[in-house]
Amino acid sequence: MSDFRRPETIEEYYENFAQIKPLMNATAAYYESSRCLFCYDAPCVTACPTGIDIPLFIRQIGTGNVTGAARTIYSSNYFGHTCGKVCPTEVLCEGACVYNHQDVKPIEIGRLQSFASTEALSKGERLFIRMPATEMKVAVIGAGPAGIACACELSALGHHVEIFEAKSRPSGLALHGTAPYKITNQEVLDEVTFLQEQLGFQIHYNQPIDTIREWKDLDSAFDAVFLGIGLGETRKAGIPGEDMKGCIGATEFIEGLKTSPLETWVGKQVIVVGGGNTAMDACSESARMGADVILLYRRDKDSMSAYHFEYDMIRDAGARAMFNTVVIEIRGNEKVREVVCSKTIVDNGNLSIAPDSSFILPCDMVIKATGQEKQTSLLDLFDIQYDGKGCIVTDEYHRCGETKYFAGGDAVNGGAEVVNACAEGKAAAQSINRYLLKEK
């Protein structure tokens, strides 16, 4: 059973979704920074997809130069604050910390990063210097982490950048798909505002580019285009009854909960299907909304793609898990009432249904964490090549063939961390800059 009571007020909601990485105060940050060994060829830097000079910014915090620390962070990662809170630091920078080899707690790099970035954001510190303006114009499609990182870098290089975003707010899954106990909506929005004010790029909200006319207008008005379109809705799982009321995709569920927490319906008995990090978030969030939650995964625990600490979090929230279990059918009278399940057998990696193993679990809600659709219809509109998995094909410079189109983020890598999207967006911007200068 869930350890949480269903929140009835926004105050109770925030209490249930308290931040798992609370902000350090100056004293705690000083003492934590003093533990760093400032390794030569520090493995934490190599483990960071954006290559932040971690020993440098920690040393700057320790010497009281918090603004300098923030500048070091943002010089490598335009989403320095967001990534400090949502990155799986346990398997990236902190996971590479040399203290792990000495049975000593690794440096809390993520929290130190959040401390420095929070200081900079709250004080509006000037961190960036823009180069003289050029006459080049770049369109960015999608105001997610990849698109905004690309826009930031291009703006810093002096180019005019306009972002076209289909939703009413930024910043992709960082806002709409990240669990609220990792970062609040306001923190993400504040960071985007901070970047816009300092770098001057524009964002056009509620402006999807999804018609030939819009595409042609865009193509003629801009010298280069970056595609940071991300992924689409949760894909169909092929389970009979999945169109029934009460069955929802995990990303849609998380988005609803983040944007309208008290208005989002959550069942009393929830089944979550999947074994990735999104499934863990859906489990933990529905449990924090007071639901009795069971995670179903078709293989064993060790086969899950979810990080171990994410799984530990759902257990801490009171969710249960059943492994080697697959949903055969979702039943109900227009609305979910129960799921029919079977046990599975894995033989040399091949999955099969165990005979005579069918059983029923009552529930009033099913959340499918079965992956997201690729936006191939949009790519067809742009005449952009994609592979058999629906991912955009780019060269090593993030360019789409011999065109003025570039791409990065989930639409290219198939779905990774926010920090990977930031790294790809910035790298693509540098390639776009070289392309523009060559064309000019």
Protein backbone atom coordinates (compact mmCIF):
# COMPACT_ATOMS: atom_id res chain seq x y z
CA MET A 1 0.00 0.00 0.00
CA SER A 2 1.06 3.58 -0.59
CA ASP A 3 2.67 5.38 2.32
CA PHE A 4 1.05 8.63 1.15
CA ARG A 5 -2.42 10.05 1.67
CA ARG A 6 -4.18 11.42 -1.41
CA PRO A 7 -3.55 15.19 -1.42
CA GLU A 8 -6.61 17.43 -1.32
CA THR A 9 -4.83 20.79 -1.37
CA ILE A 10 -1.85 22.12 -3.30
CA GLU A 11 0.05 22.33 -0.01
CA GLU A 12 -0.50 18.62 0.62
CA TYR A 13 0.56 17.89 -2.95
CA TYR A 14 3.86 19.72 -2.50
CA GLU A 15 4.39 17.92 0.79
CA ASN A 16 3.96 14.54 -0.91
CA PHE A 17 6.27 15.61 -3.74
CA ALA A 18 9.01 17.20 -1.63
CA GLN A 19 12.30 17.57 -3.50
CA ILE A 20 14.54 14.51 -3.26
CA LYS A 21 17.62 16.70 -3.67
CA PRO A 22 16.85 19.70 -1.42
CA LEU A 23 18.82 22.88 -1.91
CA MET A 24 22.04 23.18 0.11
CA ASN A 25 22.71 26.28 2.16
CA ALA A 26 26.06 28.07 1.92
CA THR A 27 27.54 26.28 4.93
CA ALA A 28 26.60 22.81 3.68
CA ALA A 29 27.95 23.66 0.21
CA TYR A 30 31.24 24.87 1.69
CA TYR A 31 31.78 21.70 3.72
CA GLU A 32 30.77 19.43 0.86
CA SER A 33 33.08 21.23 -1.56
CA SER A 34 35.96 20.82 0.90
CA ARG A 35 35.73 17.03 0.54
CA CYS A 36 36.64 17.14 -3.17
CA LEU A 37 40.09 15.78 -4.07
CA PHE A 38 40.26 17.87 -7.29
CA CYS A 39 41.49 14.86 -9.23
CA TYR A 40 43.82 15.24 -12.18
CA ASP A 41 41.96 13.98 -15.28
CA ALA A 42 38.91 13.82 -13.05
CA PRO A 43 36.65 10.87 -14.00
CA CYS A 44 33.55 12.88 -13.06
CA VAL A 45 34.25 15.28 -15.95
CA THR A 46 34.56 12.42 -18.42
CA ALA A 47 31.28 10.95 -17.13
CA CYS A 48 29.39 14.21 -17.76
CA PRO A 49 27.94 14.32 -21.30
CA THR A 50 28.39 18.10 -21.35
CA GLY A 51 31.94 17.94 -19.96
CA ILE A 52 31.49 20.43 -17.11
CA ASP A 53 34.79 21.18 -15.34
CA ILE A 54 33.48 19.79 -12.07
CA PRO A 55 36.64 20.12 -9.94
CA LEU A 56 36.93 23.76 -11.00
CA PHE A 57 33.40 24.78 -10.07
CA ILE A 58 33.62 22.89 -6.77
CA ARG A 59 36.88 24.68 -5.96
CA GLN A 60 35.20 27.99 -6.82
CA ILE A 61 32.36 27.23 -4.40
CA GLY A 62 34.88 26.37 -1.72
CA THR A 63 36.65 29.71 -2.16
CA GLY A 64 33.42 31.70 -2.10
CA ASN A 65 33.32 32.44 -5.83
CA VAL A 66 29.80 31.13 -6.38
CA THR A 67 29.19 33.31 -9.45
CA GLY A 68 32.38 31.95 -10.98
CA ALA A 69 31.16 28.41 -10.25
CA ALA A 70 27.87 29.13 -12.03
CA ARG A 71 29.74 30.59 -14.99
CA THR A 72 31.89 27.43 -15.20
CA ILE A 73 28.77 25.26 -15.15
CA TYR A 74 26.83 27.26 -17.74
CA SER A 75 29.81 27.57 -20.06
CA SER A 76 29.41 23.83 -20.67
CA ASN A 77 25.72 23.22 -20.00
CA TYR A 78 23.00 25.81 -20.64
CA PHE A 79 20.63 23.80 -18.44
CA GLY A 80 23.03 23.80 -15.51
CA HIS A 81 20.34 24.15 -12.87
CA THR A 82 17.88 21.67 -14.36
CA CYS A 83 20.56 19.05 -14.93
CA GLY A 84 21.89 19.50 -11.41
CA LYS A 85 18.51 18.29 -10.18
CA VAL A 86 17.26 15.81 -12.80
CA CYS A 87 20.48 14.15 -13.98
CA PRO A 88 21.01 10.56 -12.85
CA THR A 89 24.19 11.72 -11.12
CA GLU A 90 24.37 8.38 -9.32
CA VAL A 91 25.44 6.73 -12.58
CA LEU A 92 27.13 9.72 -14.23
CA CYS A 93 29.43 12.18 -12.42
CA GLU A 94 28.85 10.94 -8.88
CA GLY A 95 28.97 7.36 -10.06
CA ALA A 96 32.47 8.04 -11.43
CA CYS A 97 33.72 9.76 -8.26
CA VAL A 98 36.92 8.11 -6.97
CA TYR A 99 35.42 7.95 -3.48
CA ASN A 100 33.27 5.06 -4.72
CA HIS A 101 36.43 2.93 -4.74
CA GLN A 102 37.14 3.74 -1.10
CA ASP A 103 33.71 3.02 0.41
CA VAL A 104 33.33 6.75 0.99
CA LYS A 105 30.22 8.68 -0.01
CA PRO A 106 30.85 10.38 -3.38
CA ILE A 107 30.80 14.15 -3.63
CA GLU A 108 27.22 15.43 -4.01
CA ILE A 109 28.03 17.05 -7.35
CA GLY A 110 24.41 17.51 -8.41
CA ARG A 111 23.45 19.38 -5.26
CA LEU A 112 26.57 21.56 -5.44
CA GLN A 113 25.69 22.34 -9.05
CA SER A 114 22.16 23.29 -8.02
CA PHE A 115 23.51 25.48 -5.21
CA ALA A 116 25.71 27.52 -7.56
CA SER A 117 23.10 27.78 -10.32
CA THR A 118 20.36 28.78 -7.89
CA GLU A 119 22.51 31.64 -6.63
CA ALA A 120 23.08 32.87 -10.18
CA LEU A 121 19.43 32.59 -11.20
CA SER A 122 18.06 34.24 -8.08
CA LYS A 123 20.43 37.21 -8.42
CA GLY A 124 20.19 37.48 -12.21
CA GLU A 125 23.98 37.26 -12.52
CA ARG A 126 25.29 38.17 -15.97
CA LEU A 127 27.01 34.96 -17.11
CA PHE A 128 27.15 35.26 -20.90
CA ILE A 129 28.76 37.62 -23.39
CA ARG A 130 27.20 37.76 -26.87
CA MET A 131 29.37 38.19 -29.91
CA PRO A 132 28.53 41.00 -32.38
CA ALA A 133 25.31 40.37 -34.30
CA THR A 134 25.49 38.65 -37.65
CA GLU A 135 22.90 38.80 -40.41
CA MET A 136 22.20 35.08 -40.16
CA LYS A 137 18.84 33.72 -38.98
CA VAL A 138 18.29 30.25 -37.55
CA ALA A 139 14.96 28.55 -36.80
CA VAL A 140 14.75 26.01 -34.00
CA ILE A 141 11.77 23.65 -33.94
CA GLY A 142 11.03 22.56 -30.40
CA ALA A 143 11.69 24.39 -27.12
CA GLY A 144 13.00 21.33 -25.32
CA PRO A 145 16.49 21.09 -23.79
CA ALA A 146 18.14 20.33 -27.16
CA GLY A 147 16.39 23.21 -28.92
CA ILE A 148 17.05 25.75 -26.20
CA ALA A 149 20.69 24.70 -25.79
CA CYS A 150 21.12 25.12 -29.55
CA ALA A 151 19.41 28.53 -29.44
CA CYS A 152 21.61 29.67 -26.55
CA GLU A 153 24.86 28.76 -28.28
CA LEU A 154 23.84 30.31 -31.60
CA SER A 155 22.64 33.47 -29.87
CA ALA A 156 25.92 33.74 -27.98
CA LEU A 157 27.68 33.51 -31.35
CA GLY A 158 25.68 36.50 -32.58
CA HIS A 159 23.03 34.84 -34.73
CA HIS A 160 19.32 35.70 -34.69
CA VAL A 161 17.39 32.70 -33.36
CA GLU A 162 13.67 32.00 -33.22
CA ILE A 163 12.20 28.90 -31.59
CA PHE A 164 8.85 27.48 -32.70
CA GLU A 165 7.17 25.44 -29.96
CA ALA A 166 3.91 23.51 -30.34
CA LYS A 167 3.02 23.68 -26.64
CA SER A 168 2.24 26.72 -24.53
CA ARG A 169 5.39 26.42 -22.42
CA PRO A 170 8.98 25.21 -22.68
CA SER A 171 10.99 23.00 -22.08
CA GLY A 172 10.04 19.60 -23.43
CA LEU A 173 10.23 16.64 -21.07
CA ALA A 174 12.31 18.67 -18.60
CA LEU A 175 9.06 20.46 -17.75
CA HIS A 176 6.31 18.12 -18.90
CA GLY A 177 7.85 14.72 -18.30
CA THR A 178 10.13 14.98 -15.27
CA ALA A 179 8.83 13.89 -11.89
CA PRO A 180 7.88 16.89 -9.71
CA TYR A 181 9.92 15.58 -6.76
CA LYS A 182 13.03 16.03 -8.92
CA ILE A 183 12.39 19.59 -10.07
CA THR A 184 9.47 21.99 -9.92
CA ASN A 185 7.87 23.55 -12.99
CA GLN A 186 8.81 27.01 -11.78
CA GLU A 187 12.49 26.12 -11.59
CA VAL A 188 12.53 25.00 -15.22
CA LEU A 189 10.60 28.07 -16.38
CA ASP A 190 12.84 30.40 -14.38
CA GLU A 191 15.94 28.94 -16.01
CA VAL A 192 14.51 29.39 -19.52
CA THR A 193 13.56 32.99 -18.69
CA PHE A 194 17.06 33.59 -17.34
CA LEU A 195 18.60 32.29 -20.57
CA GLN A 196 16.26 34.32 -22.77
CA GLU A 197 16.96 37.54 -20.92
CA GLN A 198 20.71 37.06 -21.20
CA LEU A 199 20.95 35.72 -24.75
CA GLY A 200 17.96 37.26 -26.51
CA PHE A 201 16.51 34.38 -28.51
CA GLN A 202 12.76 34.36 -29.20
CA ILE A 203 10.23 31.61 -28.50
CA HIS A 204 6.92 31.42 -30.40
CA TYR A 205 4.54 29.28 -28.35
CA ASN A 206 1.54 27.36 -29.67
CA GLN A 207 3.14 27.39 -33.11
CA PRO A 208 3.64 23.86 -34.39
CA ILE A 209 5.26 23.51 -37.81
CA ASP A 210 3.12 20.73 -39.20
CA THR A 211 1.93 21.82 -42.64
CA ILE A 212 3.68 22.16 -45.99
CA ARG A 213 2.86 25.88 -46.06
CA GLU A 214 4.47 26.48 -42.67
CA TRP A 215 7.49 24.41 -43.63
CA LYS A 216 8.01 26.35 -46.86
CA ASP A 217 7.67 29.70 -45.08
CA LEU A 218 10.22 28.56 -42.51
CA ASP A 219 12.58 27.21 -45.13
CA SER A 220 12.62 30.46 -47.09
CA ALA A 221 12.92 32.77 -44.07
CA PHE A 222 15.88 31.16 -42.28
CA ASP A 223 19.44 30.33 -43.21
CA ALA A 224 19.49 27.10 -41.17
CA VAL A 225 17.04 24.98 -39.18
CA PHE A 226 17.57 22.86 -36.08
CA LEU A 227 15.12 20.03 -35.38
CA GLY A 228 14.70 19.44 -31.66
CA ILE A 229 11.27 17.90 -31.99
CA GLY A 230 11.69 15.19 -29.35
CA LEU A 231 9.34 12.23 -29.25
CA GLY A 232 5.59 11.87 -29.60
CA GLU A 233 2.88 10.25 -27.54
CA THR A 234 3.11 6.88 -25.81
CA ARG A 235 3.03 4.14 -28.42
CA LYS A 236 0.31 1.54 -28.56
CA ALA A 237 1.15 -1.61 -26.59
CA GLY A 238 -1.11 -3.90 -28.60
CA ILE A 239 -3.06 -4.92 -25.49
CA PRO A 240 -6.79 -5.55 -26.02
CA GLY A 241 -8.73 -2.92 -24.08
CA GLU A 242 -5.98 -0.29 -23.95
CA ASP A 243 -8.30 2.31 -25.48
CA MET A 244 -10.60 2.01 -22.48
CA LYS A 245 -11.15 4.94 -20.12
CA GLY A 246 -8.66 4.75 -17.28
CA CYS A 247 -5.78 3.50 -19.45
CA ILE A 248 -3.21 6.21 -20.18
CA GLY A 249 0.36 6.59 -21.40
CA ALA A 250 2.99 7.31 -18.76
CA THR A 251 4.28 10.51 -20.38
CA GLU A 252 0.73 11.85 -20.73
CA PHE A 253 0.01 10.96 -17.11
CA ILE A 254 3.18 12.65 -15.83
CA GLU A 255 2.52 15.76 -17.94
CA GLY A 256 -1.01 16.06 -16.58
CA LEU A 257 0.18 15.68 -13.02
CA LYS A 258 2.88 18.31 -13.47
CA THR A 259 0.64 20.88 -15.13
CA SER A 260 -2.63 20.27 -13.23
CA PRO A 261 -1.83 18.18 -10.14
CA LEU A 262 -5.15 18.39 -8.33
CA GLU A 263 -7.24 18.14 -11.51
CA THR A 264 -5.46 15.03 -12.82
CA TRP A 265 -7.42 11.90 -12.06
CA VAL A 266 -5.49 9.09 -10.36
CA GLY A 267 -7.08 5.72 -9.67
CA LYS A 268 -7.17 3.97 -6.32
CA GLN A 269 -5.64 0.75 -7.67
CA VAL A 270 -3.05 1.47 -10.36
CA ILE A 271 -1.19 -0.96 -12.62
CA VAL A 272 1.98 0.39 -14.26
CA VAL A 273 3.32 -1.58 -17.23
CA GLY A 274 7.02 -1.23 -18.07
CA GLY A 275 10.55 -1.47 -16.74
CA GLY A 276 12.22 1.82 -17.63
CA ASN A 277 12.80 5.02 -15.70
CA THR A 278 9.52 6.48 -16.97
CA ALA A 279 7.69 3.51 -15.48
CA MET A 280 9.43 4.15 -12.16
CA ASP A 281 8.35 7.81 -12.24
CA ALA A 282 4.75 6.81 -13.00
CA CYS A 283 4.80 4.34 -10.10
CA SER A 284 6.28 6.76 -7.62
CA GLU A 285 4.02 9.64 -8.66
CA SER A 286 0.78 7.66 -8.53
CA ALA A 287 1.83 6.23 -5.14
CA ARG A 288 2.49 9.77 -3.88
CA MET A 289 -1.04 10.59 -4.98
CA GLY A 290 -2.30 7.95 -2.56
CA ALA A 291 -2.84 5.06 -4.98
CA ASP A 292 -2.14 1.38 -4.35
CA VAL A 293 0.40 0.71 -7.13
CA ILE A 294 1.71 -2.48 -8.72
CA LEU A 295 4.48 -2.44 -11.33
CA LEU A 296 4.31 -5.24 -13.91
CA TYR A 297 7.39 -6.10 -15.97
CA ARG A 298 7.66 -8.92 -18.48
CA ARG A 299 11.20 -9.95 -17.51
CA ASP A 300 13.12 -10.22 -14.23
CA LYS A 301 14.25 -7.34 -12.06
CA ASP A 302 17.83 -7.35 -13.36
CA SER A 303 16.61 -6.99 -16.95
CA MET A 304 14.90 -3.65 -16.30
CA SER A 305 16.45 -0.64 -18.00
CA ALA A 306 15.52 1.55 -15.03
CA TYR A 307 18.31 2.70 -12.73
CA HIS A 308 18.45 0.78 -9.46
CA PHE A 309 17.96 3.92 -7.38
CA GLU A 310 14.78 4.73 -9.33
CA TYR A 311 13.42 1.29 -8.44
CA ASP A 312 14.39 1.79 -4.80
CA MET A 313 12.39 5.02 -4.87
CA ILE A 314 9.15 3.31 -5.89
CA ARG A 315 9.59 0.78 -3.11
CA ASP A 316 10.14 3.61 -0.64
CA ALA A 317 6.90 5.18 -1.86
CA GLY A 318 5.00 1.96 -1.14
CA ALA A 319 4.62 0.56 -4.68
CA ARG A 320 4.93 -3.17 -5.28
CA ALA A 321 6.45 -5.01 -8.24
CA MET A 322 5.68 -8.26 -10.06
CA PHE A 323 8.31 -9.52 -12.47
CA ASN A 324 8.07 -12.03 -15.32
CA THR A 325 4.49 -10.88 -15.73
CA VAL A 326 2.75 -9.66 -18.87
CA VAL A 327 -0.69 -8.08 -19.36
CA ILE A 328 -2.79 -10.13 -21.76
CA GLU A 329 -5.96 -8.04 -21.68
CA ILE A 330 -7.47 -4.97 -20.02
CA ARG A 331 -11.11 -5.51 -19.07
CA GLY A 332 -13.97 -3.30 -18.05
CA ASN A 333 -17.25 -1.79 -19.16
CA GLU A 334 -15.89 1.22 -21.05
CA LYS A 335 -13.77 1.94 -17.96
CA VAL A 336 -10.86 -0.15 -16.65
CA ARG A 337 -11.92 -2.73 -14.05
CA GLU A 338 -9.17 -5.37 -14.13
CA VAL A 339 -6.22 -6.75 -16.07
CA VAL A 340 -5.69 -10.31 -17.15
CA CYS A 341 -2.04 -11.31 -16.68
CA SER A 342 0.19 -14.31 -17.31
CA LYS A 343 3.59 -15.29 -16.09
CA THR A 344 6.46 -15.42 -18.54
CA ILE A 345 9.40 -17.70 -19.17
CA VAL A 346 12.72 -16.45 -20.52
CA ASP A 347 14.86 -19.03 -22.29
CA ASN A 348 18.11 -17.84 -23.89
CA GLY A 349 16.66 -14.34 -24.05
CA ASN A 350 13.45 -15.46 -25.73
CA LEU A 351 10.23 -14.56 -23.95
CA SER A 352 7.24 -16.90 -23.88
CA ILE A 353 4.00 -17.23 -21.90
CA ALA A 354 4.01 -19.85 -19.17
CA PRO A 355 1.17 -22.32 -19.73
CA ASP A 356 -1.80 -22.23 -17.35
CA SER A 357 -0.45 -19.17 -15.54
CA SER A 358 -3.27 -16.70 -16.17
CA PHE A 359 -4.54 -14.61 -13.27
CA ILE A 360 -6.53 -11.39 -12.72
CA LEU A 361 -5.56 -8.19 -10.91
CA PRO A 362 -8.34 -5.73 -10.05
CA CYS A 363 -7.56 -2.09 -10.87
CA ASP A 364 -9.22 1.13 -11.99
CA MET A 365 -6.24 2.60 -13.82
CA VAL A 366 -3.51 1.29 -16.14
CA ILE A 367 -0.44 3.40 -16.96
CA LYS A 368 1.56 2.23 -19.97
CA ALA A 369 5.27 3.06 -19.90
CA THR A 370 5.86 1.32 -23.20
CA GLY A 371 7.95 3.92 -25.02
CA GLN A 372 7.05 6.91 -27.18
CA GLU A 373 6.21 7.22 -30.84
CA LYS A 374 8.73 8.78 -33.23
CA GLN A 375 7.40 11.81 -35.11
CA THR A 376 7.98 10.38 -38.56
CA SER A 377 5.01 12.20 -40.14
CA LEU A 378 6.70 15.48 -39.28
CA LEU A 379 10.00 14.22 -40.66
CA ASP A 380 8.26 13.25 -43.90
CA LEU A 381 7.00 16.81 -44.11
CA PHE A 382 10.57 18.09 -43.94
CA ASP A 383 11.80 15.31 -46.24
CA ILE A 384 14.26 14.31 -43.51
CA GLN A 385 15.77 10.81 -43.58
CA TYR A 386 15.15 8.55 -40.60
CA ASP A 387 16.19 5.00 -39.79
CA GLY A 388 14.13 1.88 -39.21
CA LYS A 389 13.44 2.93 -35.64
CA GLY A 390 12.14 6.35 -36.69
CA CYS A 391 15.22 8.24 -35.45
CA ILE A 392 16.58 11.13 -37.54
CA VAL A 393 19.73 10.21 -39.44
CA THR A 394 22.53 12.76 -39.03
CA ASP A 395 26.24 12.84 -39.71
CA GLU A 396 28.91 13.37 -37.05
CA TYR A 397 28.21 17.11 -37.21
CA HIS A 398 24.48 16.65 -36.48
CA ARG A 399 23.62 17.60 -40.07
CA CYS A 400 20.80 15.97 -42.00
CA GLY A 401 22.53 15.04 -45.25
CA GLU A 402 23.59 17.85 -47.60
CA THR A 403 20.92 20.22 -46.34
CA LYS A 404 20.66 23.24 -44.09
CA TYR A 405 18.85 21.10 -41.53
CA PHE A 406 20.47 19.86 -38.31
CA ALA A 407 19.03 17.80 -35.48
CA GLY A 408 19.68 16.59 -31.94
CA GLY A 409 18.06 15.28 -28.79
CA ASP A 410 15.53 12.47 -28.43
CA ALA A 411 14.48 12.59 -32.08
CA VAL A 412 18.03 11.52 -32.97
CA ASN A 413 19.14 9.38 -30.02
CA GLY A 414 15.77 7.70 -29.54
CA GLY A 415 15.33 8.93 -25.98
CA ALA A 416 18.06 9.71 -23.47
CA GLU A 417 18.68 12.05 -20.54
CA VAL A 418 18.12 15.82 -20.48
CA VAL A 419 21.88 16.30 -20.24
CA ASN A 420 22.42 14.35 -23.48
CA ALA A 421 19.95 16.60 -25.28
CA CYS A 422 21.77 19.67 -23.95
CA ALA A 423 25.10 18.35 -25.19
CA GLU A 424 23.73 17.51 -28.63
CA GLY A 425 21.96 20.85 -29.01
CA LYS A 426 25.11 22.80 -28.22
CA ALA A 427 27.30 20.66 -30.48
CA ALA A 428 24.79 21.05 -33.32
CA ALA A 429 24.84 24.83 -32.83
CA GLN A 430 28.59 24.88 -33.27
CA SER A 431 28.20 22.91 -36.52
CA ILE A 432 25.45 25.28 -37.66
CA ASN A 433 27.74 28.23 -36.95
CA ARG A 434 30.50 26.73 -39.12
CA TYR A 435 27.94 26.03 -41.86
CA LEU A 436 26.63 29.61 -41.75
CA LEU A 437 30.08 31.16 -41.86
CA LYS A 438 31.02 28.93 -44.79
CA GLU A 439 27.81 29.82 -46.65
CA LYS A 440 28.32 33.52 -45.96
